């Protein structure tokens, strides 16, 4: 039996531009960025979540394990987001679909993610949120794209799958600038907190 809709949280990056482990950096209130992102994904109605991490990240792994998260260590994660996503899809190949979220995007509203999940459950092939004409994250994929996602490589994520299947992409328009706000630098974080 299929495992339903799986939330894949990509947390395999190195955070070089932030100057420290950005995923463990606390937001106002003290919650680390990665846990804020995970909690929003879990609250949005996916059937289960899997966090994809690179090897040799003991502090990040400990924080996630202590929160009760299910982890998948991706040896290929340092080679790019594509490999990290492929690792997650291969580990959950029984899924009916995937909602692919980024661990450094803690400002996406739960309601936005829930709409992506809802459209996947309703039969959408690929679904993404859109804010003021710009596509953002997370992106949902039906099981029909499992083989293509499992074969990804490099650091472009699922862009090639999206581009070659543009006619099957369904948008949900949202009033949520968080779908465009990833935290790559401390300045990104400060700007997001000001808005």
N, C-alpha and C. Protein backbone atom coordinates (compact mmCIF):
# COMPACT_ATOMS: atom_id res chain seq x y z
N UNK A 1 0.84 -1.19 0.00
CA UNK A 1 0.00 0.00 0.00
C UNK A 1 0.88 1.24 0.00
N UNK A 2 0.48 2.24 -0.75
CA UNK A 2 1.26 3.47 -0.84
C UNK A 2 1.29 4.18 0.50
N UNK A 3 2.37 4.90 0.73
CA UNK A 3 2.58 5.59 2.01
C UNK A 3 1.92 6.96 2.03
N UNK A 4 1.06 7.25 1.06
CA UNK A 4 0.40 8.54 1.04
C UNK A 4 1.34 9.63 0.57
N UNK A 5 1.03 10.85 0.97
CA UNK A 5 1.83 12.01 0.58
C UNK A 5 2.96 12.18 1.58
N UNK A 6 4.18 12.16 1.09
CA UNK A 6 5.36 12.28 1.94
C UNK A 6 5.96 13.68 1.81
N UNK A 7 6.22 14.30 2.93
CA UNK A 7 6.94 15.57 2.93
C UNK A 7 8.43 15.31 2.99
N UNK A 8 9.16 15.80 2.01
CA UNK A 8 10.62 15.67 2.00
C UNK A 8 11.21 17.03 2.33
N UNK A 9 11.92 17.11 3.45
CA UNK A 9 12.57 18.36 3.84
C UNK A 9 14.05 18.25 3.52
N UNK A 10 14.49 19.05 2.55
CA UNK A 10 15.88 18.99 2.10
C UNK A 10 16.75 19.83 3.02
N UNK A 11 17.61 19.14 3.77
CA UNK A 11 18.48 19.80 4.75
C UNK A 11 19.93 19.36 4.55
N UNK A 12 20.31 19.16 3.30
CA UNK A 12 21.64 18.62 3.02
C UNK A 12 22.68 19.65 2.64
N UNK A 13 22.29 20.93 2.57
CA UNK A 13 23.23 21.97 2.15
C UNK A 13 24.28 22.29 3.21
N UNK A 14 25.27 23.05 2.80
CA UNK A 14 26.40 23.36 3.68
C UNK A 14 26.34 24.74 4.34
N UNK A 15 25.47 25.62 3.89
CA UNK A 15 25.27 26.93 4.52
C UNK A 15 26.54 27.77 4.56
N UNK A 16 27.31 27.74 3.52
CA UNK A 16 28.59 28.46 3.52
C UNK A 16 28.42 29.97 3.61
N UNK A 17 27.39 30.53 2.99
CA UNK A 17 27.24 31.98 2.97
C UNK A 17 26.71 32.55 4.29
N UNK A 18 26.13 31.71 5.12
CA UNK A 18 25.57 32.19 6.39
C UNK A 18 26.66 32.43 7.43
N UNK A 19 27.75 31.67 7.33
CA UNK A 19 28.85 31.85 8.27
C UNK A 19 28.78 30.93 9.47
N UNK A 20 27.73 30.12 9.57
CA UNK A 20 27.55 29.15 10.65
C UNK A 20 26.49 28.18 10.16
N UNK A 21 26.11 27.23 10.99
CA UNK A 21 25.06 26.30 10.57
C UNK A 21 23.73 27.02 10.65
N UNK A 22 23.28 27.56 9.52
CA UNK A 22 22.07 28.37 9.51
C UNK A 22 20.85 27.58 9.95
N UNK A 23 20.82 26.28 9.69
CA UNK A 23 19.64 25.50 10.03
C UNK A 23 19.43 25.40 11.53
N UNK A 24 20.50 25.57 12.30
CA UNK A 24 20.38 25.55 13.75
C UNK A 24 20.25 26.95 14.35
N UNK A 25 20.32 27.96 13.51
CA UNK A 25 20.21 29.34 14.00
C UNK A 25 18.79 29.56 14.53
N UNK A 26 18.67 30.13 15.73
CA UNK A 26 17.33 30.30 16.31
C UNK A 26 16.57 31.47 15.70
N UNK A 27 15.30 31.26 15.50
CA UNK A 27 14.38 32.33 15.13
C UNK A 27 13.92 33.02 16.40
N UNK A 28 13.26 34.16 16.31
CA UNK A 28 12.69 34.76 17.52
C UNK A 28 11.81 33.74 18.22
N UNK A 29 12.02 33.57 19.50
CA UNK A 29 11.32 32.52 20.24
C UNK A 29 12.20 31.32 20.49
N UNK A 30 13.35 31.24 19.78
CA UNK A 30 14.34 30.22 20.08
C UNK A 30 14.32 28.97 19.23
N UNK A 31 13.30 28.78 18.39
CA UNK A 31 13.24 27.57 17.58
C UNK A 31 14.22 27.65 16.41
N UNK A 32 15.04 26.62 16.22
CA UNK A 32 15.96 26.62 15.08
C UNK A 32 15.21 26.65 13.75
N UNK A 33 15.83 27.24 12.75
CA UNK A 33 15.23 27.36 11.42
C UNK A 33 14.73 26.01 10.91
N UNK A 34 15.56 24.98 11.03
CA UNK A 34 15.19 23.67 10.49
C UNK A 34 13.93 23.11 11.15
N UNK A 35 13.79 23.32 12.46
CA UNK A 35 12.61 22.78 13.15
C UNK A 35 11.36 23.58 12.82
N UNK A 36 11.52 24.89 12.60
CA UNK A 36 10.37 25.69 12.17
C UNK A 36 9.88 25.21 10.81
N UNK A 37 10.82 24.96 9.90
CA UNK A 37 10.45 24.47 8.57
C UNK A 37 9.79 23.10 8.66
N UNK A 38 10.34 22.22 9.46
CA UNK A 38 9.79 20.88 9.62
C UNK A 38 8.40 20.93 10.24
N UNK A 39 8.23 21.73 11.28
CA UNK A 39 6.93 21.80 11.95
C UNK A 39 5.84 22.27 11.00
N UNK A 40 6.15 23.23 10.16
CA UNK A 40 5.14 23.72 9.21
C UNK A 40 4.77 22.63 8.20
N UNK A 41 5.76 21.88 7.75
CA UNK A 41 5.49 20.79 6.82
C UNK A 41 4.63 19.72 7.49
N UNK A 42 4.94 19.37 8.72
CA UNK A 42 4.18 18.34 9.44
C UNK A 42 2.74 18.78 9.69
N UNK A 43 2.55 20.07 9.95
CA UNK A 43 1.20 20.58 10.26
C UNK A 43 0.32 20.73 9.04
N UNK A 44 0.88 20.58 7.85
CA UNK A 44 0.14 20.87 6.62
C UNK A 44 -0.64 19.69 6.07
N UNK A 45 -0.60 18.55 6.74
CA UNK A 45 -1.43 17.44 6.32
C UNK A 45 -0.75 16.36 5.50
N UNK A 46 0.59 16.38 5.43
CA UNK A 46 1.27 15.25 4.79
C UNK A 46 1.11 14.03 5.68
N UNK A 47 1.26 12.86 5.09
CA UNK A 47 1.09 11.63 5.87
C UNK A 47 2.32 11.28 6.70
N UNK A 48 3.48 11.66 6.21
CA UNK A 48 4.71 11.51 6.99
C UNK A 48 5.78 12.41 6.41
N UNK A 49 6.81 12.67 7.21
CA UNK A 49 7.91 13.54 6.78
C UNK A 49 9.22 12.79 6.89
N UNK A 50 10.13 13.14 6.00
CA UNK A 50 11.48 12.61 6.03
C UNK A 50 12.42 13.80 5.82
N UNK A 51 13.40 13.91 6.71
CA UNK A 51 14.38 14.99 6.60
C UNK A 51 15.65 14.42 6.01
N UNK A 52 16.12 15.01 4.92
CA UNK A 52 17.32 14.55 4.23
C UNK A 52 18.51 15.37 4.68
N UNK A 53 19.51 14.70 5.26
CA UNK A 53 20.68 15.39 5.78
C UNK A 53 21.96 14.80 5.19
N UNK A 54 22.98 15.63 5.16
CA UNK A 54 24.31 15.18 4.72
C UNK A 54 24.98 14.43 5.86
N UNK A 55 25.92 13.56 5.56
CA UNK A 55 26.65 12.88 6.62
C UNK A 55 27.53 13.86 7.40
N UNK A 56 27.93 13.44 8.55
CA UNK A 56 28.85 14.21 9.41
C UNK A 56 28.28 15.58 9.79
N UNK A 57 27.02 15.58 10.18
CA UNK A 57 26.38 16.79 10.70
C UNK A 57 25.79 16.45 12.08
N UNK A 58 26.64 16.11 13.05
CA UNK A 58 26.13 15.58 14.32
C UNK A 58 25.20 16.52 15.08
N UNK A 59 25.48 17.81 15.09
CA UNK A 59 24.62 18.73 15.85
C UNK A 59 23.25 18.85 15.21
N UNK A 60 23.23 18.94 13.89
CA UNK A 60 21.95 19.00 13.18
C UNK A 60 21.17 17.71 13.38
N UNK A 61 21.84 16.57 13.24
CA UNK A 61 21.16 15.29 13.42
C UNK A 61 20.60 15.15 14.83
N UNK A 62 21.38 15.57 15.81
CA UNK A 62 20.91 15.46 17.20
C UNK A 62 19.67 16.31 17.42
N UNK A 63 19.69 17.55 16.92
CA UNK A 63 18.53 18.43 17.09
C UNK A 63 17.29 17.83 16.44
N UNK A 64 17.45 17.27 15.27
CA UNK A 64 16.32 16.66 14.57
C UNK A 64 15.84 15.40 15.28
N UNK A 65 16.76 14.56 15.70
CA UNK A 65 16.38 13.33 16.40
C UNK A 65 15.66 13.64 17.70
N UNK A 66 16.13 14.65 18.41
CA UNK A 66 15.49 15.02 19.67
C UNK A 66 14.08 15.55 19.46
N UNK A 67 13.81 16.07 18.27
CA UNK A 67 12.47 16.56 17.96
C UNK A 67 11.54 15.44 17.52
N UNK A 68 12.11 14.24 17.30
CA UNK A 68 11.32 13.11 16.85
C UNK A 68 11.27 12.96 15.34
N UNK A 69 12.07 13.74 14.62
CA UNK A 69 12.06 13.68 13.16
C UNK A 69 12.62 12.36 12.65
N UNK A 70 12.12 11.95 11.50
CA UNK A 70 12.66 10.78 10.82
C UNK A 70 13.72 11.28 9.84
N UNK A 71 14.93 10.74 9.94
CA UNK A 71 16.06 11.22 9.14
C UNK A 71 16.47 10.20 8.10
N UNK A 72 16.99 10.72 7.00
CA UNK A 72 17.65 9.89 5.99
C UNK A 72 18.98 10.56 5.69
N UNK A 73 20.07 9.86 5.96
CA UNK A 73 21.39 10.41 5.66
C UNK A 73 21.68 10.15 4.18
N UNK A 74 22.00 11.21 3.47
CA UNK A 74 22.27 11.12 2.03
C UNK A 74 23.76 11.34 1.81
N UNK A 75 24.48 10.29 1.53
CA UNK A 75 25.92 10.41 1.30
C UNK A 75 26.24 11.34 0.14
N UNK A 76 25.32 11.42 -0.84
CA UNK A 76 25.54 12.24 -2.03
C UNK A 76 25.14 13.70 -1.85
N UNK A 77 24.59 14.06 -0.69
CA UNK A 77 24.09 15.42 -0.48
C UNK A 77 25.10 16.51 -0.81
N UNK A 78 26.40 16.34 -0.47
CA UNK A 78 27.36 17.40 -0.82
C UNK A 78 27.47 17.66 -2.32
N UNK A 79 27.00 16.74 -3.15
CA UNK A 79 27.06 16.92 -4.60
C UNK A 79 25.91 17.78 -5.13
N UNK A 80 24.93 18.08 -4.29
CA UNK A 80 23.89 18.98 -4.72
C UNK A 80 22.48 18.58 -4.33
N UNK A 81 21.59 19.55 -4.52
CA UNK A 81 20.19 19.38 -4.14
C UNK A 81 19.52 18.26 -4.94
N UNK A 82 19.92 18.09 -6.19
CA UNK A 82 19.32 17.04 -7.01
C UNK A 82 19.55 15.67 -6.39
N UNK A 83 20.78 15.41 -5.98
CA UNK A 83 21.08 14.12 -5.36
C UNK A 83 20.35 13.93 -4.04
N UNK A 84 20.21 15.03 -3.27
CA UNK A 84 19.50 14.94 -1.99
C UNK A 84 18.04 14.59 -2.22
N UNK A 85 17.42 15.26 -3.17
CA UNK A 85 16.02 14.96 -3.49
C UNK A 85 15.87 13.53 -4.00
N UNK A 86 16.75 13.12 -4.87
CA UNK A 86 16.70 11.75 -5.39
C UNK A 86 16.81 10.72 -4.28
N UNK A 87 17.67 10.98 -3.33
CA UNK A 87 17.85 10.09 -2.18
C UNK A 87 16.53 9.95 -1.41
N UNK A 88 15.85 11.07 -1.19
CA UNK A 88 14.58 11.03 -0.46
C UNK A 88 13.50 10.29 -1.21
N UNK A 89 13.42 10.47 -2.50
CA UNK A 89 12.41 9.78 -3.30
C UNK A 89 12.69 8.29 -3.32
N UNK A 90 13.94 7.91 -3.47
CA UNK A 90 14.27 6.47 -3.46
C UNK A 90 13.93 5.83 -2.11
N UNK A 91 14.10 6.59 -1.03
CA UNK A 91 13.82 6.05 0.32
C UNK A 91 12.32 5.94 0.60
N UNK A 92 11.50 6.61 -0.21
CA UNK A 92 10.05 6.60 0.00
C UNK A 92 9.34 6.26 -1.31
N UNK A 93 9.86 5.28 -2.02
CA UNK A 93 9.37 4.97 -3.37
C UNK A 93 7.93 4.45 -3.37
N UNK A 94 7.38 4.13 -2.19
CA UNK A 94 6.00 3.68 -2.12
C UNK A 94 5.02 4.84 -1.97
N UNK A 95 5.49 6.08 -2.01
CA UNK A 95 4.63 7.24 -1.80
C UNK A 95 3.66 7.45 -2.95
N UNK A 96 2.53 8.06 -2.62
CA UNK A 96 1.57 8.48 -3.65
C UNK A 96 1.96 9.82 -4.23
N UNK A 97 2.88 10.49 -3.57
CA UNK A 97 3.37 11.78 -4.03
C UNK A 97 4.28 12.38 -2.99
N UNK A 98 4.96 13.46 -3.38
CA UNK A 98 5.92 14.11 -2.50
C UNK A 98 5.70 15.61 -2.49
N UNK A 99 5.84 16.20 -1.31
CA UNK A 99 5.90 17.65 -1.19
C UNK A 99 7.34 17.97 -0.81
N UNK A 100 8.03 18.63 -1.72
CA UNK A 100 9.46 18.89 -1.55
C UNK A 100 9.64 20.29 -0.99
N UNK A 101 10.14 20.35 0.24
CA UNK A 101 10.33 21.62 0.94
C UNK A 101 11.80 21.81 1.28
N UNK A 102 12.19 23.06 1.44
CA UNK A 102 13.57 23.38 1.76
C UNK A 102 13.69 23.77 3.23
N UNK A 103 14.70 23.23 3.89
CA UNK A 103 14.85 23.44 5.32
C UNK A 103 15.19 24.87 5.68
N UNK A 104 15.68 25.65 4.70
CA UNK A 104 16.03 27.04 5.00
C UNK A 104 14.92 28.02 4.59
N UNK A 105 13.68 27.51 4.53
CA UNK A 105 12.53 28.35 4.21
C UNK A 105 11.48 28.24 5.31
N UNK A 106 11.77 28.82 6.49
CA UNK A 106 10.86 28.66 7.64
C UNK A 106 9.67 29.59 7.66
N UNK A 107 9.52 30.44 6.62
CA UNK A 107 8.46 31.44 6.64
C UNK A 107 7.28 31.09 5.75
N UNK A 108 7.30 29.93 5.12
CA UNK A 108 6.15 29.49 4.32
C UNK A 108 5.00 29.19 5.27
N UNK A 109 3.82 29.68 4.95
CA UNK A 109 2.66 29.47 5.81
C UNK A 109 2.17 28.03 5.71
N UNK A 110 1.72 27.50 6.84
CA UNK A 110 1.16 26.15 6.87
C UNK A 110 0.02 26.02 5.86
N UNK A 111 -0.82 27.05 5.77
CA UNK A 111 -1.96 27.00 4.86
C UNK A 111 -1.52 26.86 3.40
N UNK A 112 -0.39 27.46 3.05
CA UNK A 112 0.13 27.34 1.68
C UNK A 112 0.54 25.89 1.40
N UNK A 113 1.29 25.31 2.32
CA UNK A 113 1.72 23.91 2.13
C UNK A 113 0.49 23.00 2.07
N UNK A 114 -0.49 23.28 2.91
CA UNK A 114 -1.71 22.46 2.93
C UNK A 114 -2.43 22.51 1.59
N UNK A 115 -2.40 23.64 0.92
CA UNK A 115 -3.04 23.74 -0.39
C UNK A 115 -2.31 22.90 -1.43
N UNK A 116 -0.99 22.85 -1.34
CA UNK A 116 -0.21 21.99 -2.24
C UNK A 116 -0.57 20.53 -1.99
N UNK A 117 -0.63 20.14 -0.72
CA UNK A 117 -1.00 18.76 -0.36
C UNK A 117 -2.40 18.44 -0.88
N UNK A 118 -3.33 19.36 -0.67
CA UNK A 118 -4.71 19.17 -1.09
C UNK A 118 -4.82 18.93 -2.60
N UNK A 119 -4.10 19.72 -3.39
CA UNK A 119 -4.16 19.57 -4.84
C UNK A 119 -3.53 18.23 -5.28
N UNK A 120 -2.45 17.81 -4.60
CA UNK A 120 -1.88 16.50 -4.91
C UNK A 120 -2.90 15.40 -4.64
N UNK A 121 -3.56 15.48 -3.50
CA UNK A 121 -4.57 14.46 -3.16
C UNK A 121 -5.72 14.46 -4.17
N UNK A 122 -5.98 15.62 -4.75
CA UNK A 122 -7.08 15.73 -5.72
C UNK A 122 -6.67 15.29 -7.12
N UNK A 123 -5.40 14.91 -7.30
CA UNK A 123 -4.98 14.36 -8.58
C UNK A 123 -4.05 15.23 -9.42
N UNK A 124 -3.59 16.35 -8.87
CA UNK A 124 -2.65 17.18 -9.64
C UNK A 124 -1.36 16.39 -9.89
N UNK A 125 -0.78 16.60 -11.06
CA UNK A 125 0.48 15.93 -11.40
C UNK A 125 1.65 16.61 -10.71
N UNK A 126 1.73 17.92 -10.88
CA UNK A 126 2.75 18.75 -10.23
C UNK A 126 2.03 20.01 -9.77
N UNK A 127 2.32 20.46 -8.57
CA UNK A 127 1.65 21.65 -8.05
C UNK A 127 2.66 22.52 -7.29
N UNK A 128 2.54 23.82 -7.50
CA UNK A 128 3.45 24.76 -6.83
C UNK A 128 2.69 26.02 -6.44
N UNK A 129 3.08 26.65 -5.34
CA UNK A 129 2.46 27.92 -4.98
C UNK A 129 3.05 29.05 -5.82
N UNK A 130 2.23 30.08 -6.00
CA UNK A 130 2.66 31.24 -6.77
C UNK A 130 2.24 32.51 -6.01
N UNK A 131 3.19 33.42 -5.86
CA UNK A 131 2.94 34.69 -5.17
C UNK A 131 3.27 35.83 -6.12
N UNK A 132 2.26 36.63 -6.46
CA UNK A 132 2.44 37.76 -7.37
C UNK A 132 3.16 37.36 -8.66
N UNK A 133 2.75 36.22 -9.20
CA UNK A 133 3.29 35.77 -10.48
C UNK A 133 4.58 34.99 -10.41
N UNK A 134 5.13 34.80 -9.21
CA UNK A 134 6.41 34.08 -9.08
C UNK A 134 6.19 32.73 -8.40
N UNK A 135 6.71 31.68 -9.04
CA UNK A 135 6.62 30.34 -8.45
C UNK A 135 7.57 30.23 -7.28
N UNK A 136 7.09 29.54 -6.24
CA UNK A 136 7.93 29.34 -5.06
C UNK A 136 7.90 27.90 -4.58
N UNK A 137 8.21 27.73 -3.31
CA UNK A 137 8.28 26.41 -2.67
C UNK A 137 7.25 26.34 -1.55
N UNK A 138 6.84 25.10 -1.21
CA UNK A 138 7.30 23.80 -1.71
C UNK A 138 6.58 23.40 -2.99
N UNK A 139 7.13 22.40 -3.65
CA UNK A 139 6.54 21.88 -4.89
C UNK A 139 6.09 20.44 -4.64
N UNK A 140 4.90 20.14 -5.14
CA UNK A 140 4.37 18.79 -4.99
C UNK A 140 4.46 18.01 -6.29
N UNK A 141 4.79 16.74 -6.19
CA UNK A 141 4.90 15.85 -7.36
C UNK A 141 4.09 14.59 -7.08
N UNK A 142 3.34 14.14 -8.08
CA UNK A 142 2.63 12.87 -7.95
C UNK A 142 3.62 11.72 -8.15
N UNK A 143 3.16 10.52 -7.82
CA UNK A 143 4.01 9.33 -7.95
C UNK A 143 4.46 9.09 -9.38
N UNK A 144 3.74 9.65 -10.36
CA UNK A 144 4.12 9.47 -11.77
C UNK A 144 5.53 9.99 -12.06
N UNK A 145 6.04 10.87 -11.20
CA UNK A 145 7.35 11.46 -11.42
C UNK A 145 8.44 10.82 -10.55
N UNK A 146 8.11 9.72 -9.90
CA UNK A 146 9.07 9.07 -9.02
C UNK A 146 10.37 8.70 -9.70
N UNK A 147 10.29 8.08 -10.87
CA UNK A 147 11.52 7.66 -11.55
C UNK A 147 12.37 8.86 -11.96
N UNK A 148 11.72 9.91 -12.46
CA UNK A 148 12.46 11.09 -12.89
C UNK A 148 13.13 11.78 -11.70
N UNK A 149 12.43 11.85 -10.58
CA UNK A 149 13.00 12.50 -9.39
C UNK A 149 14.13 11.65 -8.80
N UNK A 150 13.95 10.35 -8.81
CA UNK A 150 14.97 9.44 -8.25
C UNK A 150 16.26 9.46 -9.07
N UNK A 151 16.20 9.96 -10.30
CA UNK A 151 17.38 9.99 -11.17
C UNK A 151 18.07 11.36 -11.17
N UNK A 152 17.60 12.30 -10.37
CA UNK A 152 18.17 13.65 -10.38
C UNK A 152 19.61 13.65 -9.88
N UNK A 153 20.37 14.64 -10.31
CA UNK A 153 21.75 14.79 -9.87
C UNK A 153 22.10 16.27 -9.92
N UNK A 154 23.24 16.62 -9.37
CA UNK A 154 23.70 18.00 -9.42
C UNK A 154 22.96 18.90 -8.47
N UNK A 155 23.06 20.20 -8.71
CA UNK A 155 22.54 21.17 -7.76
C UNK A 155 21.36 21.96 -8.29
N UNK A 156 20.65 21.43 -9.28
CA UNK A 156 19.51 22.17 -9.82
C UNK A 156 18.18 21.68 -9.28
N UNK A 157 18.21 20.74 -8.34
CA UNK A 157 16.97 20.23 -7.78
C UNK A 157 16.11 19.61 -8.85
N UNK A 158 14.81 19.90 -8.79
CA UNK A 158 13.86 19.30 -9.73
C UNK A 158 13.56 20.22 -10.90
N UNK A 159 14.38 21.22 -11.13
CA UNK A 159 14.11 22.20 -12.19
C UNK A 159 13.89 21.52 -13.54
N UNK A 160 14.74 20.53 -13.86
CA UNK A 160 14.61 19.88 -15.17
C UNK A 160 13.29 19.12 -15.30
N UNK A 161 12.81 18.55 -14.21
CA UNK A 161 11.51 17.86 -14.24
C UNK A 161 10.40 18.88 -14.45
N UNK A 162 10.48 20.01 -13.77
CA UNK A 162 9.47 21.06 -13.93
C UNK A 162 9.47 21.60 -15.35
N UNK A 163 10.65 21.88 -15.89
CA UNK A 163 10.72 22.47 -17.22
C UNK A 163 10.23 21.53 -18.31
N UNK A 164 10.52 20.25 -18.17
CA UNK A 164 10.10 19.31 -19.22
C UNK A 164 8.64 18.87 -19.06
N UNK A 165 8.00 19.29 -17.97
CA UNK A 165 6.59 18.94 -17.76
C UNK A 165 5.77 20.19 -17.42
N UNK A 166 6.15 21.31 -18.02
CA UNK A 166 5.51 22.60 -17.68
C UNK A 166 4.00 22.56 -17.91
N UNK A 167 3.55 21.80 -18.90
CA UNK A 167 2.11 21.76 -19.19
C UNK A 167 1.33 21.02 -18.12
N UNK A 168 2.02 20.28 -17.27
CA UNK A 168 1.35 19.52 -16.21
C UNK A 168 1.43 20.20 -14.85
N UNK A 169 2.08 21.37 -14.82
CA UNK A 169 2.25 22.11 -13.58
C UNK A 169 1.01 22.94 -13.29
N UNK A 170 0.45 22.73 -12.11
CA UNK A 170 -0.71 23.50 -11.64
C UNK A 170 -0.25 24.47 -10.56
N UNK A 171 -0.69 25.71 -10.66
CA UNK A 171 -0.33 26.70 -9.65
C UNK A 171 -1.48 26.90 -8.66
N UNK A 172 -1.10 27.18 -7.41
CA UNK A 172 -2.06 27.69 -6.43
C UNK A 172 -1.58 29.09 -6.06
N UNK A 173 -2.41 30.07 -6.32
CA UNK A 173 -2.05 31.44 -6.01
C UNK A 173 -2.27 31.71 -4.53
N UNK A 174 -1.25 32.25 -3.89
CA UNK A 174 -1.29 32.47 -2.44
C UNK A 174 -0.82 33.88 -2.11
N UNK A 175 -1.28 34.36 -0.97
CA UNK A 175 -0.80 35.64 -0.45
C UNK A 175 0.24 35.32 0.62
N UNK A 176 1.36 34.80 0.18
CA UNK A 176 2.38 34.27 1.10
C UNK A 176 3.76 34.50 0.50
N UNK A 177 4.38 35.61 0.89
CA UNK A 177 5.72 35.91 0.38
C UNK A 177 6.75 34.92 0.90
N UNK A 178 6.41 34.14 1.91
CA UNK A 178 7.34 33.15 2.47
C UNK A 178 7.75 32.09 1.48
N UNK A 179 6.96 31.89 0.41
CA UNK A 179 7.31 30.87 -0.58
C UNK A 179 8.53 31.25 -1.39
N UNK A 180 8.94 32.53 -1.28
CA UNK A 180 10.11 33.02 -2.03
C UNK A 180 11.30 33.31 -1.13
N UNK A 181 11.14 33.16 0.19
CA UNK A 181 12.16 33.61 1.14
C UNK A 181 12.97 32.45 1.69
N UNK A 182 14.11 32.20 1.08
CA UNK A 182 15.03 31.25 1.68
C UNK A 182 16.11 32.04 2.42
N UNK A 183 16.67 31.41 3.41
CA UNK A 183 17.66 32.06 4.26
C UNK A 183 19.04 31.55 3.87
N UNK A 184 19.71 32.30 3.00
CA UNK A 184 21.07 31.95 2.61
C UNK A 184 22.11 32.73 3.41
N UNK A 185 21.75 33.95 3.80
CA UNK A 185 22.68 34.81 4.54
C UNK A 185 21.97 35.39 5.75
N UNK A 186 22.74 35.96 6.66
CA UNK A 186 22.15 36.61 7.82
C UNK A 186 21.29 37.80 7.39
N UNK A 187 21.68 38.44 6.29
CA UNK A 187 20.90 39.57 5.77
C UNK A 187 19.53 39.09 5.29
N UNK A 188 19.49 37.90 4.67
CA UNK A 188 18.20 37.32 4.25
C UNK A 188 17.27 37.14 5.45
N UNK A 189 17.83 36.62 6.52
CA UNK A 189 17.04 36.38 7.72
C UNK A 189 16.54 37.68 8.32
N UNK A 190 17.43 38.67 8.40
CA UNK A 190 17.02 39.95 8.97
C UNK A 190 15.93 40.60 8.13
N UNK A 191 16.05 40.52 6.81
CA UNK A 191 15.05 41.11 5.93
C UNK A 191 13.70 40.41 6.10
N UNK A 192 13.71 39.09 6.19
CA UNK A 192 12.46 38.33 6.35
C UNK A 192 11.80 38.66 7.69
N UNK A 193 12.57 38.84 8.73
CA UNK A 193 12.02 39.14 10.04
C UNK A 193 11.47 40.55 10.10
N UNK A 194 12.00 41.44 9.28
CA UNK A 194 11.49 42.82 9.26
C UNK A 194 10.12 42.91 8.58
N UNK A 195 9.89 42.06 7.59
CA UNK A 195 8.64 42.12 6.79
C UNK A 195 7.44 41.57 7.56
